[in-house]
Amino acid sequence: MKFTIQQRIILLPGFSLSIENINLEPGIYHLRGPNGSGKTTFMKFLLDVLPEPNIFCENDIIPQNKGYVPQAYREALMPWINTLRNLQIFPDTADKAISMAKSFGLHEADFNKATYKLSGGQSQRVVIARELSFEPDILIMDEPFSALDKDSSFKVITAILEYSNRGGTSIISTHIPLENLTNEVLIRTLTVERIHEMESKLCLN
């Protein structure tokens, strides 16, 4: 799904982020910028969870069907149900989520574990498998490789590429160079550049 964001300035207490006109075709977008530059602000804008009222332009086309993998990935798991039930949250795609988790390296024995007994990497892979499985129009991922080794990261980026080839759009904020994980040449960059201490701008490269 193609989506568009009209030029605007997001004003927050003590900080502003200016966004150029952006037209995003399906594919993978690497959201890059230094710490504190506004990457999280942009992701919260897309998710419509900014602390201040979020006013969208009438010409914006931003999907409502969104997936999200937060940096604090354990918070995305429900600790009162086991790993299998966490993967089955979206009933229509539960089997796909389980299959994908297995392809990411989880084993049958892991599915019966309480989520707090999973390692960091296992937890992160469960969240990614669940969010990818229901094929959102846009998937927003905040440091999705932080707890993964290179082999697991490769498996995850391969699944993201397959999702993108089916028409999905993923925006990945990570300090890991994606070119180290894949030779995919269609990855584009969204760059957040700090202009002043409390002011940044975002553009599509």
C-alpha atoms as a PDB file:
ATOM      1  CA  MET A   1       0.000   0.000   0.000  1.00  0.00           C
ATOM      2  CA  LYS A   2       1.378   3.394  -0.970  1.00  0.00           C
ATOM      3  CA  PHE A   3       1.026   6.090   1.670  1.00  0.00           C
ATOM      4  CA  THR A   4       1.794   9.768   1.847  1.00  0.00           C
ATOM      5  CA  ILE A   5       2.633  12.298   4.543  1.00  0.00           C
ATOM      6  CA  GLN A   6       2.206  15.972   3.863  1.00  0.00           C
ATOM      7  CA  GLN A   7       4.791  18.523   4.928  1.00  0.00           C
ATOM      8  CA  ARG A   8       4.359  19.606   8.523  1.00  0.00           C
ATOM      9  CA  ILE A   9       6.105  20.445  11.774  1.00  0.00           C
ATOM     10  CA  ILE A  10       5.463  18.315  14.833  1.00  0.00           C
ATOM     11  CA  LEU A  11       5.736  20.568  17.885  1.00  0.00           C
ATOM     12  CA  LEU A  12       6.395  19.015  21.274  1.00  0.00           C
ATOM     13  CA  PRO A  13       7.485  20.752  24.485  1.00  0.00           C
ATOM     14  CA  GLY A  14      11.066  21.836  23.856  1.00  0.00           C
ATOM     15  CA  PHE A  15      11.400  19.968  20.551  1.00  0.00           C
ATOM     16  CA  SER A  16      10.218  20.172  16.953  1.00  0.00           C
ATOM     17  CA  LEU A  17      10.460  17.759  14.044  1.00  0.00           C
ATOM     18  CA  SER A  18       9.851  19.003  10.524  1.00  0.00           C
ATOM     19  CA  ILE A  19       8.792  16.429   7.928  1.00  0.00           C
ATOM     20  CA  GLU A  20       9.102  16.922   4.206  1.00  0.00           C
ATOM     21  CA  ASN A  21       6.468  15.662   1.779  1.00  0.00           C
ATOM     22  CA  ILE A  22       6.955  11.887   1.749  1.00  0.00           C
ATOM     23  CA  ASN A  23       5.544   9.291  -0.645  1.00  0.00           C
ATOM     24  CA  LEU A  24       6.305   5.748   0.445  1.00  0.00           C
ATOM     25  CA  GLU A  25       5.855   2.808  -1.892  1.00  0.00           C
ATOM     26  CA  PRO A  26       5.779  -0.735  -0.451  1.00  0.00           C
ATOM     27  CA  GLY A  27       9.257  -1.792   0.639  1.00  0.00           C
ATOM     28  CA  ILE A  28      11.799  -1.471   3.426  1.00  0.00           C
ATOM     29  CA  TYR A  29      12.806   1.912   4.816  1.00  0.00           C
ATOM     30  CA  HIS A  30      15.758   2.321   7.158  1.00  0.00           C
ATOM     31  CA  LEU A  31      15.022   5.123   9.632  1.00  0.00           C
ATOM     32  CA  ARG A  32      18.404   6.615  10.522  1.00  0.00           C
ATOM     33  CA  GLY A  33      19.613   9.424  12.741  1.00  0.00           C
ATOM     34  CA  PRO A  34      21.616  10.088  15.920  1.00  0.00           C
ATOM     35  CA  ASN A  35      20.233   9.369  19.363  1.00  0.00           C
ATOM     36  CA  GLY A  36      17.723  11.971  20.470  1.00  0.00           C
ATOM     37  CA  SER A  37      17.189  13.317  16.962  1.00  0.00           C
ATOM     38  CA  GLY A  38      13.490  12.454  16.697  1.00  0.00           C
ATOM     39  CA  LYS A  39      13.272   8.917  15.304  1.00  0.00           C
ATOM     40  CA  THR A  40      10.964   7.832  18.125  1.00  0.00           C
ATOM     41  CA  THR A  41       8.854  10.970  17.650  1.00  0.00           C
ATOM     42  CA  PHE A  42       8.345  10.038  13.996  1.00  0.00           C
ATOM     43  CA  MET A  43       7.384   6.461  14.892  1.00  0.00           C
ATOM     44  CA  LYS A  44       4.911   7.734  17.507  1.00  0.00           C
ATOM     45  CA  PHE A  45       3.479  10.072  14.877  1.00  0.00           C
ATOM     46  CA  LEU A  46       2.878   7.119  12.542  1.00  0.00           C
ATOM     47  CA  LEU A  47       1.329   5.135  15.395  1.00  0.00           C
ATOM     48  CA  ASP A  48      -0.754   8.164  16.448  1.00  0.00           C
ATOM     49  CA  VAL A  49       0.434   7.986  20.057  1.00  0.00           C
ATOM     50  CA  LEU A  50       2.110  11.355  20.483  1.00  0.00           C
ATOM     51  CA  PRO A  51       1.518  12.941  23.908  1.00  0.00           C
ATOM     52  CA  GLU A  52       0.095  16.064  22.267  1.00  0.00           C
ATOM     53  CA  PRO A  53      -2.997  16.006  20.015  1.00  0.00           C
ATOM     54  CA  ASN A  54      -1.875  14.669  16.658  1.00  0.00           C
ATOM     55  CA  ILE A  55      -3.434  16.586  13.780  1.00  0.00           C
ATOM     56  CA  PHE A  56      -3.088  14.836  10.435  1.00  0.00           C
ATOM     57  CA  CYS A  57      -3.365  16.745   7.175  1.00  0.00           C
ATOM     58  CA  GLU A  58      -6.479  15.905   5.199  1.00  0.00           C
ATOM     59  CA  ASN A  59      -4.343  14.670   2.305  1.00  0.00           C
ATOM     60  CA  ASP A  60      -2.315  12.256   4.423  1.00  0.00           C
ATOM     61  CA  ILE A  61      -2.761   8.606   3.552  1.00  0.00           C
ATOM     62  CA  ILE A  62      -1.465   6.612   6.520  1.00  0.00           C
ATOM     63  CA  PRO A  63      -2.660   3.011   6.949  1.00  0.00           C
ATOM     64  CA  GLN A  64      -4.772   2.108   9.946  1.00  0.00           C
ATOM     65  CA  ASN A  65      -3.640  -1.522   9.795  1.00  0.00           C
ATOM     66  CA  LYS A  66      -0.292  -1.242  11.608  1.00  0.00           C
ATOM     67  CA  GLY A  67       2.130  -3.634  13.240  1.00  0.00           C
ATOM     68  CA  TYR A  68       4.634  -2.511  15.855  1.00  0.00           C
ATOM     69  CA  VAL A  69       7.761  -4.063  17.350  1.00  0.00           C
ATOM     70  CA  PRO A  70       8.885  -1.770  20.202  1.00  0.00           C
ATOM     71  CA  GLN A  71      12.443  -1.420  21.422  1.00  0.00           C
ATOM     72  CA  ALA A  72      11.219  -2.677  24.805  1.00  0.00           C
ATOM     73  CA  TYR A  73      10.017  -5.864  23.108  1.00  0.00           C
ATOM     74  CA  ARG A  74       9.232  -7.745  26.329  1.00  0.00           C
ATOM     75  CA  GLU A  75       6.518  -5.184  27.041  1.00  0.00           C
ATOM     76  CA  ALA A  76       4.757  -6.348  23.866  1.00  0.00           C
ATOM     77  CA  LEU A  77       4.297  -9.839  25.346  1.00  0.00           C
ATOM     78  CA  MET A  78       1.458 -10.687  27.709  1.00  0.00           C
ATOM     79  CA  PRO A  79       3.094 -12.322  30.750  1.00  0.00           C
ATOM     80  CA  TRP A  80      -0.088 -13.986  32.025  1.00  0.00           C
ATOM     81  CA  ILE A  81      -0.248 -16.337  29.010  1.00  0.00           C
ATOM     82  CA  ASN A  82       2.454 -18.589  27.636  1.00  0.00           C
ATOM     83  CA  THR A  83       4.488 -18.131  24.495  1.00  0.00           C
ATOM     84  CA  LEU A  84       2.112 -20.152  22.307  1.00  0.00           C
ATOM     85  CA  ARG A  85      -0.888 -18.076  23.351  1.00  0.00           C
ATOM     86  CA  ASN A  86       1.069 -14.894  22.644  1.00  0.00           C
ATOM     87  CA  LEU A  87       1.620 -16.138  19.100  1.00  0.00           C
ATOM     88  CA  GLN A  88      -2.094 -16.918  18.771  1.00  0.00           C
ATOM     89  CA  ILE A  89      -3.358 -13.435  19.646  1.00  0.00           C
ATOM     90  CA  PHE A  90      -4.442 -12.898  16.029  1.00  0.00           C
ATOM     91  CA  PRO A  91      -6.515 -16.075  15.486  1.00  0.00           C
ATOM     92  CA  ASP A  92      -6.661 -15.835  11.692  1.00  0.00           C
ATOM     93  CA  THR A  93      -2.874 -15.891  11.399  1.00  0.00           C
ATOM     94  CA  ALA A  94      -1.956 -17.921  14.481  1.00  0.00           C
ATOM     95  CA  ASP A  95      -0.650 -20.895  12.486  1.00  0.00           C
ATOM     96  CA  LYS A  96       1.479 -18.584  10.362  1.00  0.00           C
ATOM     97  CA  ALA A  97       2.909 -16.888  13.477  1.00  0.00           C
ATOM     98  CA  ILE A  98       3.837 -20.262  14.970  1.00  0.00           C
ATOM     99  CA  SER A  99       5.428 -21.418  11.718  1.00  0.00           C
ATOM    100  CA  MET A 100       7.389 -18.177  11.421  1.00  0.00           C
ATOM    101  CA  ALA A 101       8.597 -18.394  15.029  1.00  0.00           C
ATOM    102  CA  LYS A 102       9.880 -21.892  14.275  1.00  0.00           C
ATOM    103  CA  SER A 103      11.669 -20.595  11.175  1.00  0.00           C
ATOM    104  CA  PHE A 104      13.315 -18.000  13.435  1.00  0.00           C
ATOM    105  CA  GLY A 105      14.733 -20.805  15.588  1.00  0.00           C
ATOM    106  CA  LEU A 106      12.192 -21.329  18.378  1.00  0.00           C
ATOM    107  CA  HIS A 107      11.426 -24.922  19.373  1.00  0.00           C
ATOM    108  CA  GLU A 108       8.264 -26.722  20.451  1.00  0.00           C
ATOM    109  CA  ALA A 109       9.446 -26.728  24.058  1.00  0.00           C
ATOM    110  CA  ASP A 110       9.698 -22.924  23.993  1.00  0.00           C
ATOM    111  CA  PHE A 111       6.001 -22.524  23.199  1.00  0.00           C
ATOM    112  CA  ASN A 112       4.895 -23.878  26.584  1.00  0.00           C
ATOM    113  CA  LYS A 113       7.183 -21.541  28.511  1.00  0.00           C
ATOM    114  CA  ALA A 114       6.030 -18.458  30.357  1.00  0.00           C
ATOM    115  CA  THR A 115       7.306 -15.475  28.414  1.00  0.00           C
ATOM    116  CA  TYR A 116       9.534 -14.331  31.291  1.00  0.00           C
ATOM    117  CA  LYS A 117      11.481 -17.597  30.909  1.00  0.00           C
ATOM    118  CA  LEU A 118      12.413 -16.806  27.323  1.00  0.00           C
ATOM    119  CA  SER A 119      15.752 -15.254  26.529  1.00  0.00           C
ATOM    120  CA  GLY A 120      15.849 -11.727  25.154  1.00  0.00           C
ATOM    121  CA  GLY A 121      16.438 -12.975  21.627  1.00  0.00           C
ATOM    122  CA  GLN A 122      13.618 -15.511  21.867  1.00  0.00           C
ATOM    123  CA  SER A 123      11.216 -12.861  23.156  1.00  0.00           C
ATOM    124  CA  GLN A 124      12.132 -10.487  20.351  1.00  0.00           C
ATOM    125  CA  ARG A 125      11.608 -13.184  17.715  1.00  0.00           C
ATOM    126  CA  VAL A 126       8.183 -14.047  19.142  1.00  0.00           C
ATOM    127  CA  VAL A 127       7.050 -10.421  18.879  1.00  0.00           C
ATOM    128  CA  ILE A 128       8.404 -10.078  15.335  1.00  0.00           C
ATOM    129  CA  ALA A 129       6.765 -13.327  14.195  1.00  0.00           C
ATOM    130  CA  ARG A 130       3.419 -12.292  15.674  1.00  0.00           C
ATOM    131  CA  GLU A 131       3.457  -8.823  14.110  1.00  0.00           C
ATOM    132  CA  LEU A 132       4.649 -10.024  10.693  1.00  0.00           C
ATOM    133  CA  SER A 133       2.152 -12.865  10.560  1.00  0.00           C
ATOM    134  CA  PHE A 134      -0.974 -10.731  10.244  1.00  0.00           C
ATOM    135  CA  GLU A 135       0.464  -8.839   7.258  1.00  0.00           C
ATOM    136  CA  PRO A 136      -0.129  -5.225   8.364  1.00  0.00           C
ATOM    137  CA  ASP A 137      -0.077  -2.526   5.720  1.00  0.00           C
ATOM    138  CA  ILE A 138       2.789  -0.914   7.596  1.00  0.00           C
ATOM    139  CA  LEU A 139       5.153  -2.492  10.116  1.00  0.00           C
ATOM    140  CA  ILE A 140       7.092  -0.144  12.410  1.00  0.00           C
ATOM    141  CA  MET A 141      10.116  -1.717  14.092  1.00  0.00           C
ATOM    142  CA  ASP A 142      12.292  -0.050  16.726  1.00  0.00           C
ATOM    143  CA  GLU A 143      15.714  -1.746  17.027  1.00  0.00           C
ATOM    144  CA  PRO A 144      14.334  -5.185  16.073  1.00  0.00           C
ATOM    145  CA  PHE A 145      17.795  -6.797  15.932  1.00  0.00           C
ATOM    146  CA  SER A 146      19.062  -5.594  19.315  1.00  0.00           C
ATOM    147  CA  ALA A 147      18.900  -9.028  20.992  1.00  0.00           C
ATOM    148  CA  LEU A 148      19.561 -11.164  17.905  1.00  0.00           C
ATOM    149  CA  ASP A 149      22.736 -12.781  16.656  1.00  0.00           C
ATOM    150  CA  LYS A 150      23.711 -12.476  12.993  1.00  0.00           C
ATOM    151  CA  ASP A 151      22.044 -15.732  11.943  1.00  0.00           C
ATOM    152  CA  SER A 152      18.733 -14.812  13.592  1.00  0.00           C
ATOM    153  CA  SER A 153      18.943 -11.277  12.187  1.00  0.00           C
ATOM    154  CA  PHE A 154      19.391 -12.699   8.684  1.00  0.00           C
ATOM    155  CA  LYS A 155      16.314 -14.921   9.102  1.00  0.00           C
ATOM    156  CA  VAL A 156      14.258 -11.966  10.323  1.00  0.00           C
ATOM    157  CA  ILE A 157      15.329  -9.583   7.546  1.00  0.00           C
ATOM    158  CA  THR A 158      14.586 -12.319   4.994  1.00  0.00           C
ATOM    159  CA  ALA A 159      11.034 -12.605   6.350  1.00  0.00           C
ATOM    160  CA  ILE A 160      10.666  -8.814   6.246  1.00  0.00           C
ATOM    161  CA  LEU A 161      11.813  -8.792   2.618  1.00  0.00           C
ATOM    162  CA  GLU A 162       9.224 -11.443   1.740  1.00  0.00           C
ATOM    163  CA  TYR A 163       6.537  -9.383   3.474  1.00  0.00           C
ATOM    164  CA  SER A 164       7.611  -6.295   1.527  1.00  0.00           C
ATOM    165  CA  ASN A 165       7.519  -8.201  -1.742  1.00  0.00           C
ATOM    166  CA  ARG A 166       3.867  -8.981  -1.007  1.00  0.00           C
ATOM    167  CA  GLY A 167       3.089  -5.266  -0.747  1.00  0.00           C
ATOM    168  CA  GLY A 168       3.923  -4.460   2.865  1.00  0.00           C
ATOM    169  CA  THR A 169       5.836  -1.405   4.037  1.00  0.00           C
ATOM    170  CA  SER A 170       8.306  -1.656   6.901  1.00  0.00           C
ATOM    171  CA  ILE A 171      10.064   1.199   8.665  1.00  0.00           C
ATOM    172  CA  ILE A 172      13.033  -0.036  10.657  1.00  0.00           C
ATOM    173  CA  SER A 173      14.898   2.111  13.147  1.00  0.00           C
ATOM    174  CA  THR A 174      18.215   0.420  13.842  1.00  0.00           C
ATOM    175  CA  HIS A 175      21.856   1.306  14.328  1.00  0.00           C
ATOM    176  CA  ILE A 176      22.822  -1.933  12.580  1.00  0.00           C
ATOM    177  CA  PRO A 177      23.700  -1.316   8.911  1.00  0.00           C
ATOM    178  CA  LEU A 178      21.030  -3.245   7.030  1.00  0.00           C
ATOM    179  CA  GLU A 179      23.455  -3.791   4.173  1.00  0.00           C
ATOM    180  CA  ASN A 180      25.337  -6.110   6.538  1.00  0.00           C
ATOM    181  CA  LEU A 181      22.276  -8.353   6.700  1.00  0.00           C
ATOM    182  CA  THR A 182      21.086  -8.360   3.109  1.00  0.00           C
ATOM    183  CA  ASN A 183      22.154  -7.441  -0.392  1.00  0.00           C
ATOM    184  CA  GLU A 184      18.662  -6.143  -1.121  1.00  0.00           C
ATOM    185  CA  VAL A 185      19.149  -2.957  -3.137  1.00  0.00           C
ATOM    186  CA  LEU A 186      15.615  -1.667  -2.741  1.00  0.00           C
ATOM    187  CA  ILE A 187      16.060  -0.591   0.867  1.00  0.00           C
ATOM    188  CA  ARG A 188      15.635   3.179   1.078  1.00  0.00           C
ATOM    189  CA  THR A 189      16.580   5.566   3.853  1.00  0.00           C
ATOM    190  CA  LEU A 190      14.526   7.959   5.950  1.00  0.00           C
ATOM    191  CA  THR A 191      17.027  10.304   7.563  1.00  0.00           C
ATOM    192  CA  VAL A 192      16.436  12.372  10.674  1.00  0.00           C
ATOM    193  CA  GLU A 193      18.940  15.217  10.808  1.00  0.00           C
ATOM    194  CA  ARG A 194      19.473  17.405  13.840  1.00  0.00           C
ATOM    195  CA  ILE A 195      19.396  21.089  12.858  1.00  0.00           C
ATOM    196  CA  HIS A 196      19.695  22.623  16.322  1.00  0.00           C
ATOM    197  CA  GLU A 197      19.730  21.167  19.806  1.00  0.00           C
ATOM    198  CA  MET A 198      15.921  20.939  19.973  1.00  0.00           C
ATOM    199  CA  GLU A 199      15.062  20.886  16.279  1.00  0.00           C
ATOM    200  CA  SER A 200      15.339  18.137  13.651  1.00  0.00           C
ATOM    201  CA  LYS A 201      14.084  17.441  10.160  1.00  0.00           C
ATOM    202  CA  LEU A 202      13.184  14.200   8.397  1.00  0.00           C
ATOM    203  CA  CYS A 203      13.470  13.481   4.699  1.00  0.00           C
ATOM    204  CA  LEU A 204      13.399  10.525   2.341  1.00  0.00           C
ATOM    205  CA  ASN A 205      16.715   9.848   0.619  1.00  0.00           C
END
